[in-house]
Amino acid sequence: MAYTVPLTSTSCIKGGERPYFVCPGQVCGRPCLRQPFNLYSGGRHFLCRNCYRLAFQSQSETPHDWLLRRVSKLRPGNTLPPRR
């Protein structure tokens, strides 16, 4: 299957432009029209995370798993980063 995915761009503060995809998906019968950096192949089409209802892995972590992931990033002698 071949189809066109439109591109758009916005101006950057220091000059130039930043390109974005325009998501060709449908949400509740209306065009999605989000402007993501990446599109994902979760089926027959390339769509944004919202259209495929994709979650980040960290959104399904338990507090214990989150802590283990954070601690594994530390180097010897470093401490935990301050909470934001």
PDB file of N, CA and C in Angstrom:
ATOM      1  N   MET A   1       0.842  -1.162   0.000  1.00  0.00           N
ATOM      2  CA  MET A   1       0.000   0.000   0.000  1.00  0.00           C
ATOM      3  C   MET A   1       0.897   1.238   0.000  1.00  0.00           C
ATOM      4  N   ALA A   2       0.542   2.222  -0.750  1.00  0.00           N
ATOM      5  CA  ALA A   2       1.289   3.481  -0.806  1.00  0.00           C
ATOM      6  C   ALA A   2       0.324   4.635  -0.524  1.00  0.00           C
ATOM      7  N   TYR A   3       0.756   5.546   0.321  1.00  0.00           N
ATOM      8  CA  TYR A   3      -0.033   6.737   0.599  1.00  0.00           C
ATOM      9  C   TYR A   3       0.905   7.855   1.000  1.00  0.00           C
ATOM     10  N   THR A   4       0.409   9.061   0.954  1.00  0.00           N
ATOM     11  CA  THR A   4       1.219  10.239   1.240  1.00  0.00           C
ATOM     12  C   THR A   4       0.960  10.713   2.659  1.00  0.00           C
ATOM     13  N   VAL A   5       2.041  11.032   3.364  1.00  0.00           N
ATOM     14  CA  VAL A   5       1.930  11.619   4.699  1.00  0.00           C
ATOM     15  C   VAL A   5       2.401  13.060   4.570  1.00  0.00           C
ATOM     16  N   PRO A   6       1.534  14.021   4.838  1.00  0.00           N
ATOM     17  CA  PRO A   6       1.927  15.418   4.677  1.00  0.00           C
ATOM     18  C   PRO A   6       2.966  15.851   5.710  1.00  0.00           C
ATOM     19  N   LEU A   7       3.773  16.820   5.328  1.00  0.00           N
ATOM     20  CA  LEU A   7       4.761  17.431   6.204  1.00  0.00           C
ATOM     21  C   LEU A   7       4.409  18.897   6.410  1.00  0.00           C
ATOM     22  N   THR A   8       4.781  19.417   7.555  1.00  0.00           N
ATOM     23  CA  THR A   8       4.640  20.835   7.832  1.00  0.00           C
ATOM     24  C   THR A   8       5.904  21.265   8.555  1.00  0.00           C
ATOM     25  N   SER A   9       6.095  22.534   8.737  1.00  0.00           N
ATOM     26  CA  SER A   9       7.286  22.995   9.450  1.00  0.00           C
ATOM     27  C   SER A   9       6.954  24.253  10.237  1.00  0.00           C
ATOM     28  N   THR A  10       7.755  24.493  11.264  1.00  0.00           N
ATOM     29  CA  THR A  10       7.632  25.709  12.053  1.00  0.00           C
ATOM     30  C   THR A  10       8.978  26.399  12.087  1.00  0.00           C
ATOM     31  N   SER A  11       8.960  27.691  12.270  1.00  0.00           N
ATOM     32  CA  SER A  11      10.194  28.463  12.329  1.00  0.00           C
ATOM     33  C   SER A  11      10.856  28.270  13.684  1.00  0.00           C
ATOM     34  N   CYS A  12      12.176  28.196  13.679  1.00  0.00           N
ATOM     35  CA  CYS A  12      12.940  28.091  14.915  1.00  0.00           C
ATOM     36  C   CYS A  12      13.378  29.483  15.355  1.00  0.00           C
ATOM     37  N   ILE A  13      13.590  29.646  16.651  1.00  0.00           N
ATOM     38  CA  ILE A  13      13.953  30.950  17.197  1.00  0.00           C
ATOM     39  C   ILE A  13      15.266  31.456  16.610  1.00  0.00           C
ATOM     40  N   LYS A  14      16.236  30.569  16.450  1.00  0.00           N
ATOM     41  CA  LYS A  14      17.555  30.980  15.958  1.00  0.00           C
ATOM     42  C   LYS A  14      17.688  30.828  14.446  1.00  0.00           C
ATOM     43  N   GLY A  15      16.575  30.741  13.770  1.00  0.00           N
ATOM     44  CA  GLY A  15      16.588  30.640  12.317  1.00  0.00           C
ATOM     45  C   GLY A  15      16.359  29.217  11.843  1.00  0.00           C
ATOM     46  N   GLY A  16      16.021  29.072  10.608  1.00  0.00           N
ATOM     47  CA  GLY A  16      15.751  27.763  10.041  1.00  0.00           C
ATOM     48  C   GLY A  16      14.336  27.301  10.338  1.00  0.00           C
ATOM     49  N   GLU A  17      14.081  26.062   9.983  1.00  0.00           N
ATOM     50  CA  GLU A  17      12.758  25.482  10.196  1.00  0.00           C
ATOM     51  C   GLU A  17      12.898  24.075  10.750  1.00  0.00           C
ATOM     52  N   ARG A  18      11.888  23.636  11.463  1.00  0.00           N
ATOM     53  CA  ARG A  18      11.843  22.272  11.994  1.00  0.00           C
ATOM     54  C   ARG A  18      10.666  21.558  11.340  1.00  0.00           C
ATOM     55  N   PRO A  19      10.939  20.457  10.621  1.00  0.00           N
ATOM     56  CA  PRO A  19       9.855  19.732   9.956  1.00  0.00           C
ATOM     57  C   PRO A  19       9.115  18.799  10.909  1.00  0.00           C
ATOM     58  N   TYR A  20       7.834  18.618  10.657  1.00  0.00           N
ATOM     59  CA  TYR A  20       6.980  17.707  11.417  1.00  0.00           C
ATOM     60  C   TYR A  20       6.125  16.931  10.429  1.00  0.00           C
ATOM     61  N   PHE A  21       5.728  15.728  10.825  1.00  0.00           N
ATOM     62  CA  PHE A  21       4.711  15.005  10.087  1.00  0.00           C
ATOM     63  C   PHE A  21       3.348  15.558  10.493  1.00  0.00           C
ATOM     64  N   VAL A  22       2.357  15.345   9.665  1.00  0.00           N
ATOM     65  CA  VAL A  22       0.963  15.609  10.033  1.00  0.00           C
ATOM     66  C   VAL A  22       0.304  14.240  10.056  1.00  0.00           C
ATOM     67  N   CYS A  23      -0.143  13.823  11.239  1.00  0.00           N
ATOM     68  CA  CYS A  23      -0.702  12.481  11.394  1.00  0.00           C
ATOM     69  C   CYS A  23      -1.942  12.311  10.516  1.00  0.00           C
ATOM     70  N   PRO A  24      -1.957  11.263   9.680  1.00  0.00           N
ATOM     71  CA  PRO A  24      -3.107  11.035   8.804  1.00  0.00           C
ATOM     72  C   PRO A  24      -4.230  10.234   9.462  1.00  0.00           C
ATOM     73  N   GLY A  25      -4.145   9.975  10.780  1.00  0.00           N
ATOM     74  CA  GLY A  25      -5.123   9.142  11.469  1.00  0.00           C
ATOM     75  C   GLY A  25      -6.460   9.820  11.702  1.00  0.00           C
ATOM     76  N   GLN A  26      -7.408   9.018  12.177  1.00  0.00           N
ATOM     77  CA  GLN A  26      -8.752   9.494  12.505  1.00  0.00           C
ATOM     78  C   GLN A  26      -9.016   9.217  13.988  1.00  0.00           C
ATOM     79  N   VAL A  27      -9.545  10.213  14.701  1.00  0.00           N
ATOM     80  CA  VAL A  27      -9.925  10.058  16.100  1.00  0.00           C
ATOM     81  C   VAL A  27     -11.392  10.444  16.202  1.00  0.00           C
ATOM     82  N   CYS A  28     -12.225   9.495  16.570  1.00  0.00           N
ATOM     83  CA  CYS A  28     -13.675   9.714  16.672  1.00  0.00           C
ATOM     84  C   CYS A  28     -14.258  10.261  15.368  1.00  0.00           C
ATOM     85  N   GLY A  29     -13.766   9.765  14.253  1.00  0.00           N
ATOM     86  CA  GLY A  29     -14.286  10.178  12.957  1.00  0.00           C
ATOM     87  C   GLY A  29     -13.751  11.505  12.439  1.00  0.00           C
ATOM     88  N   ARG A  30     -12.863  12.145  13.199  1.00  0.00           N
ATOM     89  CA  ARG A  30     -12.280  13.420  12.773  1.00  0.00           C
ATOM     90  C   ARG A  30     -10.793  13.230  12.511  1.00  0.00           C
ATOM     91  N   PRO A  31     -10.227  13.994  11.597  1.00  0.00           N
ATOM     92  CA  PRO A  31      -8.790  13.870  11.347  1.00  0.00           C
ATOM     93  C   PRO A  31      -7.978  14.227  12.593  1.00  0.00           C
ATOM     94  N   CYS A  32      -6.928  13.475  12.856  1.00  0.00           N
ATOM     95  CA  CYS A  32      -6.094  13.708  14.034  1.00  0.00           C
ATOM     96  C   CYS A  32      -5.329  15.025  13.899  1.00  0.00           C
ATOM     97  N   LEU A  33      -4.592  15.195  12.837  1.00  0.00           N
ATOM     98  CA  LEU A  33      -3.842  16.407  12.497  1.00  0.00           C
ATOM     99  C   LEU A  33      -2.782  16.818  13.531  1.00  0.00           C
ATOM    100  N   ARG A  34      -2.387  15.902  14.433  1.00  0.00           N
ATOM    101  CA  ARG A  34      -1.275  16.218  15.341  1.00  0.00           C
ATOM    102  C   ARG A  34      -0.004  16.345  14.523  1.00  0.00           C
ATOM    103  N   GLN A  35       0.987  16.991  15.111  1.00  0.00           N
ATOM    104  CA  GLN A  35       2.255  17.212  14.409  1.00  0.00           C
ATOM    105  C   GLN A  35       3.402  16.552  15.176  1.00  0.00           C
ATOM    106  N   PRO A  36       3.516  15.218  15.097  1.00  0.00           N
ATOM    107  CA  PRO A  36       4.567  14.527  15.834  1.00  0.00           C
ATOM    108  C   PRO A  36       5.890  14.519  15.064  1.00  0.00           C
ATOM    109  N   PHE A  37       6.971  14.278  15.813  1.00  0.00           N
ATOM    110  CA  PHE A  37       8.277  14.084  15.171  1.00  0.00           C
ATOM    111  C   PHE A  37       8.336  12.712  14.524  1.00  0.00           C
ATOM    112  N   ASN A  38       7.689  11.717  15.155  1.00  0.00           N
ATOM    113  CA  ASN A  38       7.750  10.331  14.693  1.00  0.00           C
ATOM    114  C   ASN A  38       6.353   9.797  14.447  1.00  0.00           C
ATOM    115  N   LEU A  39       6.264   8.918  13.472  1.00  0.00           N
ATOM    116  CA  LEU A  39       5.047   8.149  13.243  1.00  0.00           C
ATOM    117  C   LEU A  39       5.393   6.687  13.480  1.00  0.00           C
ATOM    118  N   TYR A  40       4.435   5.903  13.946  1.00  0.00           N
ATOM    119  CA  TYR A  40       4.682   4.521  14.329  1.00  0.00           C
ATOM    120  C   TYR A  40       3.886   3.574  13.456  1.00  0.00           C
ATOM    121  N   SER A  41       4.466   2.403  13.193  1.00  0.00           N
ATOM    122  CA  SER A  41       3.806   1.387  12.399  1.00  0.00           C
ATOM    123  C   SER A  41       3.194   0.364  13.335  1.00  0.00           C
ATOM    124  N   GLY A  42       1.939   0.544  13.672  1.00  0.00           N
ATOM    125  CA  GLY A  42       1.259  -0.375  14.572  1.00  0.00           C
ATOM    126  C   GLY A  42       0.191  -1.176  13.851  1.00  0.00           C
ATOM    127  N   GLY A  43       0.112  -1.045  12.569  1.00  0.00           N
ATOM    128  CA  GLY A  43      -0.908  -1.720  11.773  1.00  0.00           C
ATOM    129  C   GLY A  43      -0.619  -1.480  10.308  1.00  0.00           C
ATOM    130  N   ARG A  44      -1.631  -1.114   9.562  1.00  0.00           N
ATOM    131  CA  ARG A  44      -1.453  -0.886   8.126  1.00  0.00           C
ATOM    132  C   ARG A  44      -0.924   0.502   7.817  1.00  0.00           C
ATOM    133  N   HIS A  45      -1.024   1.429   8.762  1.00  0.00           N
ATOM    134  CA  HIS A  45      -0.662   2.814   8.502  1.00  0.00           C
ATOM    135  C   HIS A  45       0.403   3.286   9.493  1.00  0.00           C
ATOM    136  N   PHE A  46       1.041   4.373   9.153  1.00  0.00           N
ATOM    137  CA  PHE A  46       1.963   5.042  10.056  1.00  0.00           C
ATOM    138  C   PHE A  46       1.188   6.181  10.716  1.00  0.00           C
ATOM    139  N   LEU A  47       1.019   6.082  12.050  1.00  0.00           N
ATOM    140  CA  LEU A  47       0.222   7.054  12.790  1.00  0.00           C
ATOM    141  C   LEU A  47       0.970   7.509  14.033  1.00  0.00           C
ATOM    142  N   CYS A  48       0.447   8.534  14.704  1.00  0.00           N
ATOM    143  CA  CYS A  48       1.067   9.054  15.925  1.00  0.00           C
ATOM    144  C   CYS A  48       0.749   8.141  17.122  1.00  0.00           C
ATOM    145  N   ARG A  49       1.430   8.385  18.243  1.00  0.00           N
ATOM    146  CA  ARG A  49       1.220   7.602  19.461  1.00  0.00           C
ATOM    147  C   ARG A  49      -0.225   7.691  19.944  1.00  0.00           C
ATOM    148  N   ASN A  50      -0.841   8.853  19.793  1.00  0.00           N
ATOM    149  CA  ASN A  50      -2.210   9.048  20.248  1.00  0.00           C
ATOM    150  C   ASN A  50      -3.180   8.164  19.467  1.00  0.00           C
ATOM    151  N   CYS A  51      -3.038   8.105  18.169  1.00  0.00           N
ATOM    152  CA  CYS A  51      -3.956   7.314  17.344  1.00  0.00           C
ATOM    153  C   CYS A  51      -3.821   5.813  17.621  1.00  0.00           C
ATOM    154  N   TYR A  52      -2.595   5.347  17.894  1.00  0.00           N
ATOM    155  CA  TYR A  52      -2.392   3.938  18.218  1.00  0.00           C
ATOM    156  C   TYR A  52      -2.542   3.663  19.707  1.00  0.00           C
ATOM    157  N   ARG A  53      -2.821   4.692  20.504  1.00  0.00           N
ATOM    158  CA  ARG A  53      -2.971   4.569  21.959  1.00  0.00           C
ATOM    159  C   ARG A  53      -1.761   3.885  22.580  1.00  0.00           C
ATOM    160  N   LEU A  54      -0.582   4.338  22.182  1.00  0.00           N
ATOM    161  CA  LEU A  54       0.668   3.797  22.717  1.00  0.00           C
ATOM    162  C   LEU A  54       1.030   4.521  24.001  1.00  0.00           C
ATOM    163  N   ALA A  55       1.528   3.792  24.967  1.00  0.00           N
ATOM    164  CA  ALA A  55       1.976   4.373  26.231  1.00  0.00           C
ATOM    165  C   ALA A  55       3.484   4.191  26.337  1.00  0.00           C
ATOM    166  N   PHE A  56       4.113   5.050  27.092  1.00  0.00           N
ATOM    167  CA  PHE A  56       5.523   4.882  27.377  1.00  0.00           C
ATOM    168  C   PHE A  56       5.670   3.758  28.402  1.00  0.00           C
ATOM    169  N   GLN A  57       6.776   3.024  28.350  1.00  0.00           N
ATOM    170  CA  GLN A  57       6.993   1.913  29.257  1.00  0.00           C
ATOM    171  C   GLN A  57       6.929   2.372  30.712  1.00  0.00           C
ATOM    172  N   SER A  58       7.438   3.559  30.981  1.00  0.00           N
ATOM    173  CA  SER A  58       7.470   4.051  32.360  1.00  0.00           C
ATOM    174  C   SER A  58       6.064   4.311  32.919  1.00  0.00           C
ATOM    175  N   GLN A  59       5.065   4.444  32.062  1.00  0.00           N
ATOM    176  CA  GLN A  59       3.709   4.688  32.537  1.00  0.00           C
ATOM    177  C   GLN A  59       3.064   3.463  33.164  1.00  0.00           C
ATOM    178  N   SER A  60       3.637   2.277  32.913  1.00  0.00           N
ATOM    179  CA  SER A  60       3.066   1.061  33.487  1.00  0.00           C
ATOM    180  C   SER A  60       3.989   0.431  34.526  1.00  0.00           C
ATOM    181  N   GLU A  61       5.021   1.151  34.961  1.00  0.00           N
ATOM    182  CA  GLU A  61       5.942   0.628  35.959  1.00  0.00           C
ATOM    183  C   GLU A  61       5.356   0.713  37.365  1.00  0.00           C
ATOM    184  N   THR A  62       5.743  -0.230  38.185  1.00  0.00           N
ATOM    185  CA  THR A  62       5.426  -0.140  39.601  1.00  0.00           C
ATOM    186  C   THR A  62       6.448   0.789  40.245  1.00  0.00           C
ATOM    187  N   PRO A  63       6.171   1.334  41.425  1.00  0.00           N
ATOM    188  CA  PRO A  63       7.160   2.184  42.090  1.00  0.00           C
ATOM    189  C   PRO A  63       8.493   1.467  42.320  1.00  0.00           C
ATOM    190  N   HIS A  64       8.431   0.177  42.603  1.00  0.00           N
ATOM    191  CA  HIS A  64       9.661  -0.604  42.806  1.00  0.00           C
ATOM    192  C   HIS A  64      10.477  -0.678  41.518  1.00  0.00           C
ATOM    193  N   ASP A  65       9.822  -0.960  40.392  1.00  0.00           N
ATOM    194  CA  ASP A  65      10.517  -1.021  39.112  1.00  0.00           C
ATOM    195  C   ASP A  65      11.104   0.338  38.733  1.00  0.00           C
ATOM    196  N   TRP A  66      10.361   1.401  39.033  1.00  0.00           N
ATOM    197  CA  TRP A  66      10.849   2.749  38.739  1.00  0.00           C
ATOM    198  C   TRP A  66      12.138   3.023  39.501  1.00  0.00           C
ATOM    199  N   LEU A  67      12.147   2.658  40.794  1.00  0.00           N
ATOM    200  CA  LEU A  67      13.328   2.889  41.621  1.00  0.00           C
ATOM    201  C   LEU A  67      14.516   2.074  41.115  1.00  0.00           C
ATOM    202  N   LEU A  68      14.296   0.825  40.744  1.00  0.00           N
ATOM    203  CA  LEU A  68      15.386  -0.004  40.219  1.00  0.00           C
ATOM    204  C   LEU A  68      15.952   0.579  38.930  1.00  0.00           C
ATOM    205  N   ARG A  69      15.085   1.089  38.066  1.00  0.00           N
ATOM    206  CA  ARG A  69      15.557   1.689  36.817  1.00  0.00           C
ATOM    207  C   ARG A  69      16.392   2.930  37.095  1.00  0.00           C
ATOM    208  N   ARG A  70      15.947   3.758  38.036  1.00  0.00           N
ATOM    209  CA  ARG A  70      16.683   4.976  38.377  1.00  0.00           C
ATOM    210  C   ARG A  70      18.045   4.651  38.995  1.00  0.00           C
ATOM    211  N   VAL A  71      18.065   3.682  39.895  1.00  0.00           N
ATOM    212  CA  VAL A  71      19.314   3.330  40.571  1.00  0.00           C
ATOM    213  C   VAL A  71      20.298   2.711  39.581  1.00  0.00           C
ATOM    214  N   SER A  72      19.813   1.961  38.609  1.00  0.00           N
ATOM    215  CA  SER A  72      20.710   1.322  37.645  1.00  0.00           C
ATOM    216  C   SER A  72      21.408   2.350  36.751  1.00  0.00           C
ATOM    217  N   LYS A  73      20.872   3.565  36.665  1.00  0.00           N
ATOM    218  CA  LYS A  73      21.490   4.616  35.852  1.00  0.00           C
ATOM    219  C   LYS A  73      22.619   5.316  36.592  1.00  0.00           C
ATOM    220  N   LEU A  74      22.707   5.128  37.917  1.00  0.00           N
ATOM    221  CA  LEU A  74      23.713   5.824  38.711  1.00  0.00           C
ATOM    222  C   LEU A  74      25.090   5.189  38.519  1.00  0.00           C
ATOM    223  N   ARG A  75      26.088   6.021  38.549  1.00  0.00           N
ATOM    224  CA  ARG A  75      27.464   5.535  38.517  1.00  0.00           C
ATOM    225  C   ARG A  75      27.953   5.455  39.960  1.00  0.00           C
ATOM    226  N   PRO A  76      28.968   4.643  40.228  1.00  0.00           N
ATOM    227  CA  PRO A  76      29.486   4.572  41.595  1.00  0.00           C
ATOM    228  C   PRO A  76      29.923   5.956  42.083  1.00  0.00           C
ATOM    229  N   GLY A  77      29.522   6.311  43.292  1.00  0.00           N
ATOM    230  CA  GLY A  77      29.881   7.593  43.859  1.00  0.00           C
ATOM    231  C   GLY A  77      28.855   8.679  43.632  1.00  0.00           C
ATOM    232  N   ASN A  78      27.931   8.485  42.718  1.00  0.00           N
ATOM    233  CA  ASN A  78      26.878   9.472  42.468  1.00  0.00           C
ATOM    234  C   ASN A  78      25.717   9.248  43.435  1.00  0.00           C
ATOM    235  N   THR A  79      24.952  10.248  43.628  1.00  0.00           N
ATOM    236  CA  THR A  79      23.754  10.123  44.462  1.00  0.00           C
ATOM    237  C   THR A  79      22.535  10.293  43.597  1.00  0.00           C
ATOM    238  N   LEU A  80      21.394  10.011  44.180  1.00  0.00           N
ATOM    239  CA  LEU A  80      20.151  10.195  43.443  1.00  0.00           C
ATOM    240  C   LEU A  80      19.966  11.651  43.079  1.00  0.00           C
ATOM    241  N   PRO A  81      19.468  11.939  41.872  1.00  0.00           N
ATOM    242  CA  PRO A  81      19.226  13.333  41.510  1.00  0.00           C
ATOM    243  C   PRO A  81      18.105  13.920  42.351  1.00  0.00           C
ATOM    244  N   PRO A  82      18.113  15.233  42.559  1.00  0.00           N
ATOM    245  CA  PRO A  82      17.064  15.854  43.373  1.00  0.00           C
ATOM    246  C   PRO A  82      15.705  15.721  42.700  1.00  0.00           C
ATOM    247  N   ARG A  83      14.669  15.629  43.502  1.00  0.00           N
ATOM    248  CA  ARG A  83      13.309  15.553  42.969  1.00  0.00           C
ATOM    249  C   ARG A  83      12.927  16.903  42.382  1.00  0.00           C
ATOM    250  N   ARG A  84      12.165  16.866  41.339  1.00  0.00           N
ATOM    251  CA  ARG A  84      11.725  18.113  40.687  1.00  0.00           C
ATOM    252  C   ARG A  84      10.384  18.505  41.170  1.00  0.00           C
TER     253      ARG A  84
END
